PDB file of N, CA and C in Angstrom:
ATOM      1  N   MET A   1      -0.286  58.758  29.298  1.00  0.00           N
ATOM      2  CA  MET A   1       0.969  59.306  28.831  1.00  0.00           C
ATOM      3  C   MET A   1       2.113  58.563  29.517  1.00  0.00           C
ATOM      4  N   HIS A   2       3.154  58.293  28.777  1.00  0.00           N
ATOM      5  CA  HIS A   2       4.325  57.614  29.316  1.00  0.00           C
ATOM      6  C   HIS A   2       5.529  58.558  29.286  1.00  0.00           C
ATOM      7  N   VAL A   3       6.345  58.474  30.314  1.00  0.00           N
ATOM      8  CA  VAL A   3       7.577  59.253  30.358  1.00  0.00           C
ATOM      9  C   VAL A   3       8.702  58.354  30.870  1.00  0.00           C
ATOM     10  N   HIS A   4       9.866  58.493  30.241  1.00  0.00           N
ATOM     11  CA  HIS A   4      11.077  57.795  30.677  1.00  0.00           C
ATOM     12  C   HIS A   4      11.882  58.802  31.487  1.00  0.00           C
ATOM     13  N   LEU A   5      12.138  58.485  32.756  1.00  0.00           N
ATOM     14  CA  LEU A   5      12.874  59.378  33.648  1.00  0.00           C
ATOM     15  C   LEU A   5      14.202  58.738  34.041  1.00  0.00           C
ATOM     16  N   VAL A   6      15.232  59.565  34.165  1.00  0.00           N
ATOM     17  CA  VAL A   6      16.524  59.119  34.657  1.00  0.00           C
ATOM     18  C   VAL A   6      16.976  60.116  35.719  1.00  0.00           C
ATOM     19  N   PHE A   7      17.280  59.601  36.918  1.00  0.00           N
ATOM     20  CA  PHE A   7      17.786  60.413  38.020  1.00  0.00           C
ATOM     21  C   PHE A   7      19.200  59.947  38.341  1.00  0.00           C
ATOM     22  N   VAL A   8      20.108  60.900  38.503  1.00  0.00           N
ATOM     23  CA  VAL A   8      21.508  60.606  38.795  1.00  0.00           C
ATOM     24  C   VAL A   8      21.816  61.066  40.213  1.00  0.00           C
ATOM     25  N   THR A   9      22.607  60.273  40.935  1.00  0.00           N
ATOM     26  CA  THR A   9      22.963  60.648  42.304  1.00  0.00           C
ATOM     27  C   THR A   9      23.874  61.873  42.304  1.00  0.00           C
ATOM     28  N   LYS A  10      23.808  62.617  43.386  1.00  0.00           N
ATOM     29  CA  LYS A  10      24.641  63.806  43.557  1.00  0.00           C
ATOM     30  C   LYS A  10      26.108  63.402  43.478  1.00  0.00           C
ATOM     31  N   PHE A  11      26.884  64.139  42.718  1.00  0.00           N
ATOM     32  CA  PHE A  11      28.314  63.890  42.523  1.00  0.00           C
ATOM     33  C   PHE A  11      28.594  62.514  41.915  1.00  0.00           C
ATOM     34  N   ARG A  12      27.557  61.877  41.369  1.00  0.00           N
ATOM     35  CA  ARG A  12      27.674  60.553  40.742  1.00  0.00           C
ATOM     36  C   ARG A  12      28.241  59.500  41.702  1.00  0.00           C
ATOM     37  N   HIS A  13      27.980  59.664  42.998  1.00  0.00           N
ATOM     38  CA  HIS A  13      28.434  58.673  43.969  1.00  0.00           C
ATOM     39  C   HIS A  13      27.739  57.337  43.719  1.00  0.00           C
ATOM     40  N   ASN A  14      28.475  56.257  43.907  1.00  0.00           N
ATOM     41  CA  ASN A  14      27.924  54.911  43.783  1.00  0.00           C
ATOM     42  C   ASN A  14      27.269  54.542  45.105  1.00  0.00           C
ATOM     43  N   VAL A  15      25.945  54.643  45.160  1.00  0.00           N
ATOM     44  CA  VAL A  15      25.245  54.381  46.418  1.00  0.00           C
ATOM     45  C   VAL A  15      24.283  53.211  46.348  1.00  0.00           C
ATOM     46  N   PHE A  16      23.966  52.745  45.145  1.00  0.00           N
ATOM     47  CA  PHE A  16      22.945  51.715  45.044  1.00  0.00           C
ATOM     48  C   PHE A  16      23.541  50.321  44.966  1.00  0.00           C
ATOM     49  N   ALA A  17      23.088  49.484  45.881  1.00  0.00           N
ATOM     50  CA  ALA A  17      23.326  48.052  45.849  1.00  0.00           C
ATOM     51  C   ALA A  17      21.931  47.427  45.827  1.00  0.00           C
ATOM     52  N   ASP A  18      21.855  46.130  45.798  1.00  0.00           N
ATOM     53  CA  ASP A  18      20.559  45.448  45.657  1.00  0.00           C
ATOM     54  C   ASP A  18      19.506  45.928  46.653  1.00  0.00           C
ATOM     55  N   ARG A  19      19.867  45.963  47.940  1.00  0.00           N
ATOM     56  CA  ARG A  19      18.889  46.308  48.974  1.00  0.00           C
ATOM     57  C   ARG A  19      18.385  47.740  48.824  1.00  0.00           C
ATOM     58  N   ARG A  20      19.282  48.666  48.596  1.00  0.00           N
ATOM     59  CA  ARG A  20      18.889  50.071  48.440  1.00  0.00           C
ATOM     60  C   ARG A  20      18.071  50.280  47.177  1.00  0.00           C
ATOM     61  N   LEU A  21      18.463  49.606  46.113  1.00  0.00           N
ATOM     62  CA  LEU A  21      17.736  49.759  44.852  1.00  0.00           C
ATOM     63  C   LEU A  21      16.331  49.181  44.963  1.00  0.00           C
ATOM     64  N   SER A  22      16.182  48.066  45.642  1.00  0.00           N
ATOM     65  CA  SER A  22      14.851  47.477  45.855  1.00  0.00           C
ATOM     66  C   SER A  22      13.975  48.402  46.683  1.00  0.00           C
ATOM     67  N   ARG A  23      14.549  48.984  47.715  1.00  0.00           N
ATOM     68  CA  ARG A  23      13.781  49.908  48.556  1.00  0.00           C
ATOM     69  C   ARG A  23      13.415  51.161  47.769  1.00  0.00           C
ATOM     70  N   MET A  24      14.337  51.633  46.928  1.00  0.00           N
ATOM     71  CA  MET A  24      14.062  52.806  46.099  1.00  0.00           C
ATOM     72  C   MET A  24      12.873  52.536  45.183  1.00  0.00           C
ATOM     73  N   GLU A  25      12.807  51.353  44.607  1.00  0.00           N
ATOM     74  CA  GLU A  25      11.683  51.012  43.734  1.00  0.00           C
ATOM     75  C   GLU A  25      10.362  51.068  44.499  1.00  0.00           C
ATOM     76  N   ALA A  26      10.337  50.516  45.703  1.00  0.00           N
ATOM     77  CA  ALA A  26       9.109  50.526  46.509  1.00  0.00           C
ATOM     78  C   ALA A  26       8.676  51.953  46.834  1.00  0.00           C
ATOM     79  N   ILE A  27       9.630  52.799  47.184  1.00  0.00           N
ATOM     80  CA  ILE A  27       9.321  54.199  47.492  1.00  0.00           C
ATOM     81  C   ILE A  27       8.758  54.895  46.252  1.00  0.00           C
ATOM     82  N   MET A  28       9.391  54.681  45.114  1.00  0.00           N
ATOM     83  CA  MET A  28       8.943  55.316  43.868  1.00  0.00           C
ATOM     84  C   MET A  28       7.538  54.834  43.481  1.00  0.00           C
ATOM     85  N   ARG A  29       7.244  53.564  43.708  1.00  0.00           N
ATOM     86  CA  ARG A  29       5.899  53.043  43.424  1.00  0.00           C
ATOM     87  C   ARG A  29       4.847  53.730  44.296  1.00  0.00           C
ATOM     88  N   ASP A  30       5.177  53.943  45.568  1.00  0.00           N
ATOM     89  CA  ASP A  30       4.249  54.630  46.477  1.00  0.00           C
ATOM     90  C   ASP A  30       3.987  56.062  46.025  1.00  0.00           C
ATOM     91  N   VAL A  31       5.034  56.759  45.641  1.00  0.00           N
ATOM     92  CA  VAL A  31       4.875  58.145  45.183  1.00  0.00           C
ATOM     93  C   VAL A  31       4.031  58.193  43.912  1.00  0.00           C
ATOM     94  N   CYS A  32       4.300  57.291  42.981  1.00  0.00           N
ATOM     95  CA  CYS A  32       3.510  57.247  41.741  1.00  0.00           C
ATOM     96  C   CYS A  32       2.036  56.998  42.055  1.00  0.00           C
ATOM     97  N   ALA A  33       1.762  56.104  42.976  1.00  0.00           N
ATOM     98  CA  ALA A  33       0.373  55.807  43.346  1.00  0.00           C
ATOM     99  C   ALA A  33      -0.312  57.051  43.892  1.00  0.00           C
ATOM    100  N   ASP A  34       0.413  57.879  44.645  1.00  0.00           N
ATOM    101  CA  ASP A  34      -0.158  59.124  45.163  1.00  0.00           C
ATOM    102  C   ASP A  34      -0.583  60.069  44.048  1.00  0.00           C
ATOM    103  N   PHE A  35       0.061  59.967  42.898  1.00  0.00           N
ATOM    104  CA  PHE A  35      -0.254  60.810  41.746  1.00  0.00           C
ATOM    105  C   PHE A  35      -1.184  60.105  40.753  1.00  0.00           C
ATOM    106  N   GLU A  36      -1.730  58.964  41.147  1.00  0.00           N
ATOM    107  CA  GLU A  36      -2.562  58.143  40.260  1.00  0.00           C
ATOM    108  C   GLU A  36      -1.796  57.746  39.002  1.00  0.00           C
ATOM    109  N   ALA A  37      -0.503  57.521  39.187  1.00  0.00           N
ATOM    110  CA  ALA A  37       0.373  57.108  38.096  1.00  0.00           C
ATOM    111  C   ALA A  37       0.838  55.678  38.363  1.00  0.00           C
ATOM    112  N   GLU A  38       1.369  55.055  37.338  1.00  0.00           N
ATOM    113  CA  GLU A  38       1.850  53.679  37.459  1.00  0.00           C
ATOM    114  C   GLU A  38       3.324  53.620  37.104  1.00  0.00           C
ATOM    115  N   LEU A  39       4.122  53.043  37.989  1.00  0.00           N
ATOM    116  CA  LEU A  39       5.525  52.800  37.691  1.00  0.00           C
ATOM    117  C   LEU A  39       5.585  51.497  36.896  1.00  0.00           C
ATOM    118  N   VAL A  40       5.718  51.609  35.587  1.00  0.00           N
ATOM    119  CA  VAL A  40       5.669  50.451  34.694  1.00  0.00           C
ATOM    120  C   VAL A  40       6.955  49.638  34.786  1.00  0.00           C
ATOM    121  N   GLU A  41       8.080  50.331  34.833  1.00  0.00           N
ATOM    122  CA  GLU A  41       9.374  49.643  34.895  1.00  0.00           C
ATOM    123  C   GLU A  41      10.340  50.487  35.712  1.00  0.00           C
ATOM    124  N   PHE A  42      11.197  49.805  36.462  1.00  0.00           N
ATOM    125  CA  PHE A  42      12.206  50.483  37.278  1.00  0.00           C
ATOM    126  C   PHE A  42      13.463  49.633  37.276  1.00  0.00           C
ATOM    127  N   ASN A  43      14.601  50.292  37.136  1.00  0.00           N
ATOM    128  CA  ASN A  43      15.882  49.614  37.239  1.00  0.00           C
ATOM    129  C   ASN A  43      16.953  50.674  37.435  1.00  0.00           C
ATOM    130  N   GLY A  44      18.148  50.258  37.716  1.00  0.00           N
ATOM    131  CA  GLY A  44      19.204  51.236  37.895  1.00  0.00           C
ATOM    132  C   GLY A  44      20.555  50.588  37.992  1.00  0.00           C
ATOM    133  N   GLU A  45      21.549  51.441  38.084  1.00  0.00           N
ATOM    134  CA  GLU A  45      22.918  51.016  38.286  1.00  0.00           C
ATOM    135  C   GLU A  45      23.416  51.657  39.569  1.00  0.00           C
ATOM    136  N   ASN A  46      24.705  51.646  39.801  1.00  0.00           N
ATOM    137  CA  ASN A  46      25.253  52.140  41.064  1.00  0.00           C
ATOM    138  C   ASN A  46      24.937  53.604  41.345  1.00  0.00           C
ATOM    139  N   ASN A  47      24.853  54.421  40.282  1.00  0.00           N
ATOM    140  CA  ASN A  47      24.717  55.855  40.508  1.00  0.00           C
ATOM    141  C   ASN A  47      23.555  56.527  39.770  1.00  0.00           C
ATOM    142  N   HIS A  48      22.644  55.751  39.242  1.00  0.00           N
ATOM    143  CA  HIS A  48      21.465  56.342  38.600  1.00  0.00           C
ATOM    144  C   HIS A  48      20.340  55.316  38.495  1.00  0.00           C
ATOM    145  N   VAL A  49      19.127  55.834  38.301  1.00  0.00           N
ATOM    146  CA  VAL A  49      17.963  54.960  38.141  1.00  0.00           C
ATOM    147  C   VAL A  49      17.177  55.381  36.911  1.00  0.00           C
ATOM    148  N   HIS A  50      16.504  54.414  36.312  1.00  0.00           N
ATOM    149  CA  HIS A  50      15.614  54.624  35.172  1.00  0.00           C
ATOM    150  C   HIS A  50      14.199  54.253  35.603  1.00  0.00           C
ATOM    151  N   LEU A  51      13.232  55.064  35.200  1.00  0.00           N
ATOM    152  CA  LEU A  51      11.833  54.789  35.480  1.00  0.00           C
ATOM    153  C   LEU A  51      11.031  54.958  34.193  1.00  0.00           C
ATOM    154  N   LEU A  52      10.059  54.103  34.006  1.00  0.00           N
ATOM    155  CA  LEU A  52       9.066  54.284  32.954  1.00  0.00           C
ATOM    156  C   LEU A  52       7.743  54.452  33.684  1.00  0.00           C
ATOM    157  N   VAL A  53       7.160  55.632  33.562  1.00  0.00           N
ATOM    158  CA  VAL A  53       5.963  55.974  34.325  1.00  0.00           C
ATOM    159  C   VAL A  53       4.819  56.281  33.379  1.00  0.00           C
ATOM    160  N   ASN A  54       3.673  55.679  33.665  1.00  0.00           N
ATOM    161  CA  ASN A  54       2.428  55.990  32.955  1.00  0.00           C
ATOM    162  C   ASN A  54       1.633  56.905  33.884  1.00  0.00           C
ATOM    163  N   PHE A  55       1.346  58.115  33.435  1.00  0.00           N
ATOM    164  CA  PHE A  55       0.695  59.081  34.315  1.00  0.00           C
ATOM    165  C   PHE A  55      -0.458  59.769  33.597  1.00  0.00           C
ATOM    166  N   PRO A  56      -1.451  60.240  34.353  1.00  0.00           N
ATOM    167  CA  PRO A  56      -2.587  60.918  33.733  1.00  0.00           C
ATOM    168  C   PRO A  56      -2.197  62.318  33.252  1.00  0.00           C
ATOM    169  N   PRO A  57      -2.877  62.836  32.235  1.00  0.00           N
ATOM    170  CA  PRO A  57      -2.535  64.155  31.675  1.00  0.00           C
ATOM    171  C   PRO A  57      -2.688  65.311  32.670  1.00  0.00           C
ATOM    172  N   LYS A  58      -3.455  65.117  33.721  1.00  0.00           N
ATOM    173  CA  LYS A  58      -3.636  66.204  34.694  1.00  0.00           C
ATOM    174  C   LYS A  58      -2.408  66.410  35.580  1.00  0.00           C
ATOM    175  N   VAL A  59      -1.448  65.485  35.522  1.00  0.00           N
ATOM    176  CA  VAL A  59      -0.240  65.562  36.351  1.00  0.00           C
ATOM    177  C   VAL A  59       0.884  66.226  35.555  1.00  0.00           C
ATOM    178  N   ALA A  60       1.476  67.261  36.130  1.00  0.00           N
ATOM    179  CA  ALA A  60       2.635  67.909  35.514  1.00  0.00           C
ATOM    180  C   ALA A  60       3.877  67.062  35.790  1.00  0.00           C
ATOM    181  N   VAL A  61       4.657  66.825  34.765  1.00  0.00           N
ATOM    182  CA  VAL A  61       5.852  65.986  34.913  1.00  0.00           C
ATOM    183  C   VAL A  61       6.793  66.579  35.963  1.00  0.00           C
ATOM    184  N   ALA A  62       6.956  67.888  35.974  1.00  0.00           N
ATOM    185  CA  ALA A  62       7.859  68.529  36.937  1.00  0.00           C
ATOM    186  C   ALA A  62       7.410  68.277  38.381  1.00  0.00           C
ATOM    187  N   ARG A  63       6.110  68.325  38.647  1.00  0.00           N
ATOM    188  CA  ARG A  63       5.606  68.055  40.003  1.00  0.00           C
ATOM    189  C   ARG A  63       5.856  66.599  40.386  1.00  0.00           C
ATOM    190  N   LEU A  64       5.615  65.689  39.440  1.00  0.00           N
ATOM    191  CA  LEU A  64       5.859  64.273  39.692  1.00  0.00           C
ATOM    192  C   LEU A  64       7.337  64.031  40.002  1.00  0.00           C
ATOM    193  N   VAL A  65       8.212  64.610  39.192  1.00  0.00           N
ATOM    194  CA  VAL A  65       9.651  64.442  39.378  1.00  0.00           C
ATOM    195  C   VAL A  65      10.097  65.009  40.726  1.00  0.00           C
ATOM    196  N   ASN A  66       9.636  66.215  41.060  1.00  0.00           N
ATOM    197  CA  ASN A  66      10.023  66.820  42.336  1.00  0.00           C
ATOM    198  C   ASN A  66       9.608  65.943  43.517  1.00  0.00           C
ATOM    199  N   SER A  67       8.439  65.370  43.432  1.00  0.00           N
ATOM    200  CA  SER A  67       7.969  64.506  44.508  1.00  0.00           C
ATOM    201  C   SER A  67       8.761  63.199  44.542  1.00  0.00           C
ATOM    202  N   LEU A  68       8.987  62.593  43.386  1.00  0.00           N
ATOM    203  CA  LEU A  68       9.760  61.345  43.326  1.00  0.00           C
ATOM    204  C   LEU A  68      11.154  61.538  43.919  1.00  0.00           C
ATOM    205  N   LYS A  69      11.823  62.610  43.517  1.00  0.00           N
ATOM    206  CA  LYS A  69      13.184  62.846  43.995  1.00  0.00           C
ATOM    207  C   LYS A  69      13.206  63.245  45.472  1.00  0.00           C
ATOM    208  N   GLY A  70      12.310  64.120  45.878  1.00  0.00           N
ATOM    209  CA  GLY A  70      12.297  64.597  47.257  1.00  0.00           C
ATOM    210  C   GLY A  70      11.942  63.519  48.262  1.00  0.00           C
ATOM    211  N   VAL A  71      10.857  62.809  48.008  1.00  0.00           N
ATOM    212  CA  VAL A  71      10.409  61.765  48.928  1.00  0.00           C
ATOM    213  C   VAL A  71      11.424  60.628  48.979  1.00  0.00           C
ATOM    214  N   SER A  72      11.911  60.203  47.827  1.00  0.00           N
ATOM    215  CA  SER A  72      12.857  59.083  47.811  1.00  0.00           C
ATOM    216  C   SER A  72      14.169  59.450  48.506  1.00  0.00           C
ATOM    217  N   SER A  73      14.640  60.663  48.318  1.00  0.00           N
ATOM    218  CA  SER A  73      15.865  61.105  48.968  1.00  0.00           C
ATOM    219  C   SER A  73      15.703  61.115  50.483  1.00  0.00           C
ATOM    220  N   ARG A  74      14.628  61.695  50.946  1.00  0.00           N
ATOM    221  CA  ARG A  74      14.386  61.794  52.385  1.00  0.00           C
ATOM    222  C   ARG A  74      14.242  60.408  53.024  1.00  0.00           C
ATOM    223  N   ARG A  75      13.415  59.563  52.416  1.00  0.00           N
ATOM    224  CA  ARG A  75      13.174  58.236  53.007  1.00  0.00           C
ATOM    225  C   ARG A  75      14.413  57.351  52.962  1.00  0.00           C
ATOM    226  N   LEU A  76      15.130  57.367  51.860  1.00  0.00           N
ATOM    227  CA  LEU A  76      16.304  56.498  51.754  1.00  0.00           C
ATOM    228  C   LEU A  76      17.385  56.933  52.735  1.00  0.00           C
ATOM    229  N   ARG A  77      17.579  58.241  52.895  1.00  0.00           N
ATOM    230  CA  ARG A  77      18.579  58.721  53.851  1.00  0.00           C
ATOM    231  C   ARG A  77      18.167  58.411  55.288  1.00  0.00           C
ATOM    232  N   GLN A  78      16.872  58.385  55.573  1.00  0.00           N
ATOM    233  CA  GLN A  78      16.402  58.021  56.914  1.00  0.00           C
ATOM    234  C   GLN A  78      16.627  56.536  57.187  1.00  0.00           C
ATOM    235  N   GLU A  79      16.354  55.711  56.192  1.00  0.00           N
ATOM    236  CA  GLU A  79      16.440  54.265  56.372  1.00  0.00           C
ATOM    237  C   GLU A  79      17.866  53.720  56.273  1.00  0.00           C
ATOM    238  N   PHE A  80      18.726  54.441  55.583  1.00  0.00           N
ATOM    239  CA  PHE A  80      20.125  54.031  55.421  1.00  0.00           C
ATOM    240  C   PHE A  80      21.029  55.186  55.850  1.00  0.00           C
ATOM    241  N   PRO A  81      21.218  55.372  57.156  1.00  0.00           N
ATOM    242  CA  PRO A  81      21.996  56.514  57.653  1.00  0.00           C
ATOM    243  C   PRO A  81      23.428  56.562  57.123  1.00  0.00           C
ATOM    244  N   ASP A  82      23.967  55.415  56.709  1.00  0.00           N
ATOM    245  CA  ASP A  82      25.330  55.410  56.179  1.00  0.00           C
ATOM    246  C   ASP A  82      25.455  56.208  54.886  1.00  0.00           C
ATOM    247  N   LEU A  83      24.352  56.539  54.234  1.00  0.00           N
ATOM    248  CA  LEU A  83      24.399  57.373  53.032  1.00  0.00           C
ATOM    249  C   LEU A  83      24.885  58.786  53.346  1.00  0.00           C
ATOM    250  N   MET A  84      24.726  59.216  54.585  1.00  0.00           N
ATOM    251  CA  MET A  84      25.095  60.580  54.956  1.00  0.00           C
ATOM    252  C   MET A  84      26.577  60.854  54.746  1.00  0.00           C
ATOM    253  N   ARG A  85      27.412  59.833  54.778  1.00  0.00           N
ATOM    254  CA  ARG A  85      28.849  60.080  54.580  1.00  0.00           C
ATOM    255  C   ARG A  85      29.142  60.602  53.170  1.00  0.00           C
ATOM    256  N   HIS A  86      28.285  60.260  52.209  1.00  0.00           N
ATOM    257  CA  HIS A  86      28.457  60.772  50.845  1.00  0.00           C
ATOM    258  C   HIS A  86      27.925  62.192  50.706  1.00  0.00           C
ATOM    259  N   TYR A  87      26.973  62.566  51.563  1.00  0.00           N
ATOM    260  CA  TYR A  87      26.234  63.801  51.334  1.00  0.00           C
ATOM    261  C   TYR A  87      26.282  64.750  52.513  1.00  0.00           C
ATOM    262  N   TYR A  88      27.360  64.727  53.258  1.00  0.00           N
ATOM    263  CA  TYR A  88      27.436  65.556  54.464  1.00  0.00           C
ATOM    264  C   TYR A  88      27.340  67.044  54.163  1.00  0.00           C
ATOM    265  N   ARG A  89      27.743  67.479  52.979  1.00  0.00           N
ATOM    266  CA  ARG A  89      27.645  68.900  52.629  1.00  0.00           C
ATOM    267  C   ARG A  89      26.330  69.224  51.952  1.00  0.00           C
ATOM    268  N   ALA A  90      25.952  68.427  50.975  1.00  0.00           N
ATOM    269  CA  ALA A  90      24.781  68.745  50.157  1.00  0.00           C
ATOM    270  C   ALA A  90      23.474  68.316  50.811  1.00  0.00           C
ATOM    271  N   ASN A  91      23.513  67.256  51.607  1.00  0.00           N
ATOM    272  CA  ASN A  91      22.308  66.719  52.247  1.00  0.00           C
ATOM    273  C   ASN A  91      21.224  66.383  51.219  1.00  0.00           C
ATOM    274  N   LYS A  92      21.660  65.943  50.039  1.00  0.00           N
ATOM    275  CA  LYS A  92      20.742  65.554  48.969  1.00  0.00           C
ATOM    276  C   LYS A  92      21.243  64.254  48.353  1.00  0.00           C
ATOM    277  N   LEU A  93      20.315  63.421  47.962  1.00  0.00           N
ATOM    278  CA  LEU A  93      20.681  62.169  47.303  1.00  0.00           C
ATOM    279  C   LEU A  93      20.870  62.375  45.802  1.00  0.00           C
ATOM    280  N   TRP A  94      19.984  63.175  45.199  1.00  0.00           N
ATOM    281  CA  TRP A  94      19.949  63.308  43.747  1.00  0.00           C
ATOM    282  C   TRP A  94      20.629  64.576  43.258  1.00  0.00           C
ATOM    283  N   SER A  95      21.164  64.499  42.060  1.00  0.00           N
ATOM    284  CA  SER A  95      21.638  65.684  41.352  1.00  0.00           C
ATOM    285  C   SER A  95      20.431  66.573  41.064  1.00  0.00           C
ATOM    286  N   GLY A  96      20.654  67.850  40.892  1.00  0.00           N
ATOM    287  CA  GLY A  96      19.550  68.767  40.623  1.00  0.00           C
ATOM    288  C   GLY A  96      18.901  68.562  39.271  1.00  0.00           C
ATOM    289  N   SER A  97      19.599  67.956  38.338  1.00  0.00           N
ATOM    290  CA  SER A  97      19.051  67.756  36.997  1.00  0.00           C
ATOM    291  C   SER A  97      18.444  66.364  36.856  1.00  0.00           C
ATOM    292  N   TYR A  98      17.737  66.159  35.772  1.00  0.00           N
ATOM    293  CA  TYR A  98      17.167  64.853  35.469  1.00  0.00           C
ATOM    294  C   TYR A  98      16.852  64.793  33.984  1.00  0.00           C
ATOM    295  N   PHE A  99      16.665  63.578  33.479  1.00  0.00           N
ATOM    296  CA  PHE A  99      16.225  63.380  32.101  1.00  0.00           C
ATOM    297  C   PHE A  99      14.765  62.968  32.120  1.00  0.00           C
ATOM    298  N   ALA A 100      13.972  63.595  31.267  1.00  0.00           N
ATOM    299  CA  ALA A 100      12.575  63.204  31.080  1.00  0.00           C
ATOM    300  C   ALA A 100      12.299  63.189  29.586  1.00  0.00           C
ATOM    301  N   GLY A 101      11.957  62.023  29.082  1.00  0.00           N
ATOM    302  CA  GLY A 101      11.644  61.887  27.668  1.00  0.00           C
ATOM    303  C   GLY A 101      10.272  61.280  27.497  1.00  0.00           C
ATOM    304  N   SER A 102       9.448  61.955  26.709  1.00  0.00           N
ATOM    305  CA  SER A 102       8.128  61.383  26.461  1.00  0.00           C
ATOM    306  C   SER A 102       8.301  60.150  25.593  1.00  0.00           C
ATOM    307  N   VAL A 103       7.503  59.151  25.876  1.00  0.00           N
ATOM    308  CA  VAL A 103       7.585  57.909  25.135  1.00  0.00           C
ATOM    309  C   VAL A 103       6.422  57.901  24.170  1.00  0.00           C
ATOM    310  N   GLY A 104       6.734  58.166  22.920  1.00  0.00           N
ATOM    311  CA  GLY A 104       5.701  58.217  21.909  1.00  0.00           C
ATOM    312  C   GLY A 104       6.238  57.681  20.593  1.00  0.00           C
ATOM    313  N   GLY A 105       7.500  58.039  20.290  1.00  0.00           N
ATOM    314  CA  GLY A 105       8.119  57.563  19.065  1.00  0.00           C
ATOM    315  C   GLY A 105       8.402  56.071  19.145  1.00  0.00           C
ATOM    316  N   ALA A 106       8.994  55.665  20.252  1.00  0.00           N
ATOM    317  CA  ALA A 106       9.264  54.246  20.479  1.00  0.00           C
ATOM    318  C   ALA A 106       8.122  53.671  21.307  1.00  0.00           C
ATOM    319  N   PRO A 107       7.707  52.458  21.008  1.00  0.00           N
ATOM    320  CA  PRO A 107       6.652  51.857  21.837  1.00  0.00           C
ATOM    321  C   PRO A 107       7.140  51.680  23.270  1.00  0.00           C
ATOM    322  N   PRO A 108       6.250  51.791  24.246  1.00  0.00           N
ATOM    323  CA  PRO A 108       6.654  51.609  25.646  1.00  0.00           C
ATOM    324  C   PRO A 108       7.374  50.286  25.893  1.00  0.00           C
ATOM    325  N   SER A 109       7.053  49.253  25.129  1.00  0.00           N
ATOM    326  CA  SER A 109       7.705  47.951  25.324  1.00  0.00           C
ATOM    327  C   SER A 109       9.204  48.030  25.023  1.00  0.00           C
ATOM    328  N   VAL A 110       9.603  48.857  24.049  1.00  0.00           N
ATOM    329  CA  VAL A 110      11.021  49.012  23.716  1.00  0.00           C
ATOM    330  C   VAL A 110      11.753  49.741  24.839  1.00  0.00           C
ATOM    331  N   VAL A 111      11.138  50.794  25.380  1.00  0.00           N
ATOM    332  CA  VAL A 111      11.746  51.528  26.488  1.00  0.00           C
ATOM    333  C   VAL A 111      11.814  50.632  27.723  1.00  0.00           C
ATOM    334  N   LYS A 112      10.761  49.853  27.953  1.00  0.00           N
ATOM    335  CA  LYS A 112      10.745  48.922  29.088  1.00  0.00           C
ATOM    336  C   LYS A 112      11.892  47.929  28.967  1.00  0.00           C
ATOM    337  N   GLN A 113      12.101  47.387  27.771  1.00  0.00           N
ATOM    338  CA  GLN A 113      13.187  46.440  27.545  1.00  0.00           C
ATOM    339  C   GLN A 113      14.541  47.097  27.795  1.00  0.00           C
ATOM    340  N   TYR A 114      14.710  48.344  27.351  1.00  0.00           N
ATOM    341  CA  TYR A 114      15.960  49.073  27.576  1.00  0.00           C
ATOM    342  C   TYR A 114      16.234  49.220  29.076  1.00  0.00           C
ATOM    343  N   ILE A 115      15.203  49.574  29.842  1.00  0.00           N
ATOM    344  CA  ILE A 115      15.361  49.756  31.282  1.00  0.00           C
ATOM    345  C   ILE A 115      15.673  48.431  31.960  1.00  0.00           C
ATOM    346  N   GLU A 116      15.025  47.357  31.533  1.00  0.00           N
ATOM    347  CA  GLU A 116      15.286  46.036  32.104  1.00  0.00           C
ATOM    348  C   GLU A 116      16.725  45.610  31.910  1.00  0.00           C
ATOM    349  N   GLN A 117      17.361  46.072  30.829  1.00  0.00           N
ATOM    350  CA  GLN A 117      18.719  45.626  30.486  1.00  0.00           C
ATOM    351  C   GLN A 117      19.815  46.438  31.172  1.00  0.00           C
ATOM    352  N   GLN A 118      19.464  47.349  32.077  1.00  0.00           N
ATOM    353  CA  GLN A 118      20.485  48.097  32.807  1.00  0.00           C
ATOM    354  C   GLN A 118      21.274  47.116  33.677  1.00  0.00           C
ATOM    355  N   ASN A 119      22.537  47.405  33.862  1.00  0.00           N
ATOM    356  CA  ASN A 119      23.415  46.539  34.665  1.00  0.00           C
ATOM    357  C   ASN A 119      23.191  46.813  36.142  1.00  0.00           C
ATOM    358  N   GLN A 120      22.275  46.068  36.729  1.00  0.00           N
ATOM    359  CA  GLN A 120      21.939  46.248  38.144  1.00  0.00           C
ATOM    360  C   GLN A 120      23.136  45.860  39.002  1.00  0.00           C
ATOM    361  N   PRO A 121      23.468  46.683  40.016  1.00  0.00           N
ATOM    362  CA  PRO A 121      24.621  46.342  40.857  1.00  0.00           C
ATOM    363  C   PRO A 121      24.369  45.053  41.645  1.00  0.00           C
ATOM    364  N   GLY A 122      25.402  44.315  41.848  1.00  0.00           N
ATOM    365  CA  GLY A 122      25.264  43.026  42.539  1.00  0.00           C
ATOM    366  C   GLY A 122      25.887  43.088  43.852  1.00  0.00           C
TER     367      GLY A 122
END
């Protein structure tokens, strides 16, 4: 099963630059591996990320999302302490909401291409 996920930063703060976005991808890949899932494509802009994940049917999307957001938020804030200036009140990296769309109508290659074409911050 494939799902297209989009996570937005809390208050839409611009926090992602090349180094942070690369580290975020590595963290997300590790979390997916823990769920026996595959991160097929990852990209993002300054204030949000897109993921295309292939996951087994035994995994609930909500559990996967909670783990992806929780682990990535904790690790990124630990590794980049300067992020705390954006989140001194909320102490969270991600907004509470997210987009999850099953990929079935469009072939995964089309969604992958869409994610690849995001304007990565430079």
